[in-house]
Amino acid sequence: MSARTAIVSQSEIKRTLQAALSVGLRIGRVEVDHATGRVVVFPEGAAPQAAGPDPDDLLK
């Protein structure tokens, strides 16, 4: 199998985390959705959300 180009590269994740840290955010969890290219950073101590519809899907 040939290597596929990543939708979200390691450098993009690193850049996102460095930006969050530079504004003083204490990172609690990071979720990377490789299908959509979305990187979500949750602050330390944030309560997990109940499963429900994706807000982006509601806007479509």
C-alpha atoms as a PDB file:
ATOM      1  CA  MET A   1       0.000   0.000   0.000  1.00  0.00           C
ATOM      2  CA  SER A   2       1.231   3.456  -0.793  1.00  0.00           C
ATOM      3  CA  ALA A   3       1.346   6.167   1.838  1.00  0.00           C
ATOM      4  CA  ARG A   4      -1.579   8.597   1.771  1.00  0.00           C
ATOM      5  CA  THR A   5      -1.229  12.303   2.342  1.00  0.00           C
ATOM      6  CA  ALA A   6      -2.565  13.141   5.795  1.00  0.00           C
ATOM      7  CA  ILE A   7      -5.493  15.540   6.043  1.00  0.00           C
ATOM      8  CA  VAL A   8      -4.136  16.712   9.385  1.00  0.00           C
ATOM      9  CA  SER A   9      -0.369  16.725   9.584  1.00  0.00           C
ATOM     10  CA  GLN A  10       1.699  16.393  12.715  1.00  0.00           C
ATOM     11  CA  SER A  11       3.020  19.932  12.191  1.00  0.00           C
ATOM     12  CA  GLU A  12      -0.556  21.321  12.117  1.00  0.00           C
ATOM     13  CA  ILE A  13      -1.384  19.564  15.386  1.00  0.00           C
ATOM     14  CA  LYS A  14       1.832  20.843  16.939  1.00  0.00           C
ATOM     15  CA  ARG A  15       1.109  24.399  15.761  1.00  0.00           C
ATOM     16  CA  THR A  16      -2.421  24.234  17.206  1.00  0.00           C
ATOM     17  CA  LEU A  17      -1.177  23.006  20.585  1.00  0.00           C
ATOM     18  CA  GLN A  18       1.592  25.618  20.720  1.00  0.00           C
ATOM     19  CA  ALA A  19      -0.968  28.353  20.018  1.00  0.00           C
ATOM     20  CA  ALA A  20      -3.227  27.077  22.813  1.00  0.00           C
ATOM     21  CA  LEU A  21      -0.317  26.961  25.243  1.00  0.00           C
ATOM     22  CA  SER A  22       0.909  30.427  24.240  1.00  0.00           C
ATOM     23  CA  VAL A  23      -2.367  32.006  25.404  1.00  0.00           C
ATOM     24  CA  GLY A  24      -2.161  30.207  28.741  1.00  0.00           C
ATOM     25  CA  LEU A  25      -4.615  27.373  28.109  1.00  0.00           C
ATOM     26  CA  ARG A  26      -3.966  24.295  30.212  1.00  0.00           C
ATOM     27  CA  ILE A  27      -4.704  21.448  27.829  1.00  0.00           C
ATOM     28  CA  GLY A  28      -6.778  18.606  29.222  1.00  0.00           C
ATOM     29  CA  ARG A  29      -7.567  16.636  26.080  1.00  0.00           C
ATOM     30  CA  VAL A  30      -6.994  16.818  22.337  1.00  0.00           C
ATOM     31  CA  GLU A  31      -9.181  15.152  19.726  1.00  0.00           C
ATOM     32  CA  VAL A  32      -8.084  14.824  16.113  1.00  0.00           C
ATOM     33  CA  ASP A  33     -10.646  13.854  13.495  1.00  0.00           C
ATOM     34  CA  HIS A  34      -8.591  12.633  10.561  1.00  0.00           C
ATOM     35  CA  ALA A  35     -11.667  12.280   8.356  1.00  0.00           C
ATOM     36  CA  THR A  36     -12.582  15.988   8.511  1.00  0.00           C
ATOM     37  CA  GLY A  37      -9.236  17.530   9.459  1.00  0.00           C
ATOM     38  CA  ARG A  38     -10.575  18.968  12.704  1.00  0.00           C
ATOM     39  CA  VAL A  39      -8.340  19.411  15.768  1.00  0.00           C
ATOM     40  CA  VAL A  40     -10.250  20.116  19.003  1.00  0.00           C
ATOM     41  CA  VAL A  41      -8.445  21.208  22.174  1.00  0.00           C
ATOM     42  CA  PHE A  42     -10.302  20.880  25.480  1.00  0.00           C
ATOM     43  CA  PRO A  43      -9.092  22.823  28.503  1.00  0.00           C
ATOM     44  CA  GLU A  44      -8.074  21.043  31.663  1.00  0.00           C
ATOM     45  CA  GLY A  45     -11.067  20.350  33.888  1.00  0.00           C
ATOM     46  CA  ALA A  46     -13.649  20.695  31.117  1.00  0.00           C
ATOM     47  CA  ALA A  47     -16.634  18.423  31.626  1.00  0.00           C
ATOM     48  CA  PRO A  48     -17.205  15.950  28.799  1.00  0.00           C
ATOM     49  CA  GLN A  49     -20.249  16.783  26.705  1.00  0.00           C
ATOM     50  CA  ALA A  50     -23.146  14.410  26.358  1.00  0.00           C
ATOM     51  CA  ALA A  51     -23.349  12.764  22.968  1.00  0.00           C
ATOM     52  CA  GLY A  52     -25.627  14.623  20.640  1.00  0.00           C
ATOM     53  CA  PRO A  53     -25.803  16.059  17.170  1.00  0.00           C
ATOM     54  CA  ASP A  54     -22.743  17.803  15.810  1.00  0.00           C
ATOM     55  CA  PRO A  55     -23.406  21.577  15.918  1.00  0.00           C
ATOM     56  CA  ASP A  56     -21.765  21.978  12.501  1.00  0.00           C
ATOM     57  CA  ASP A  57     -24.262  19.520  11.017  1.00  0.00           C
ATOM     58  CA  LEU A  58     -27.148  21.586  12.420  1.00  0.00           C
ATOM     59  CA  LEU A  59     -25.930  24.653  10.527  1.00  0.00           C
ATOM     60  CA  LYS A  60     -26.091  22.896   7.155  1.00  0.00           C
END
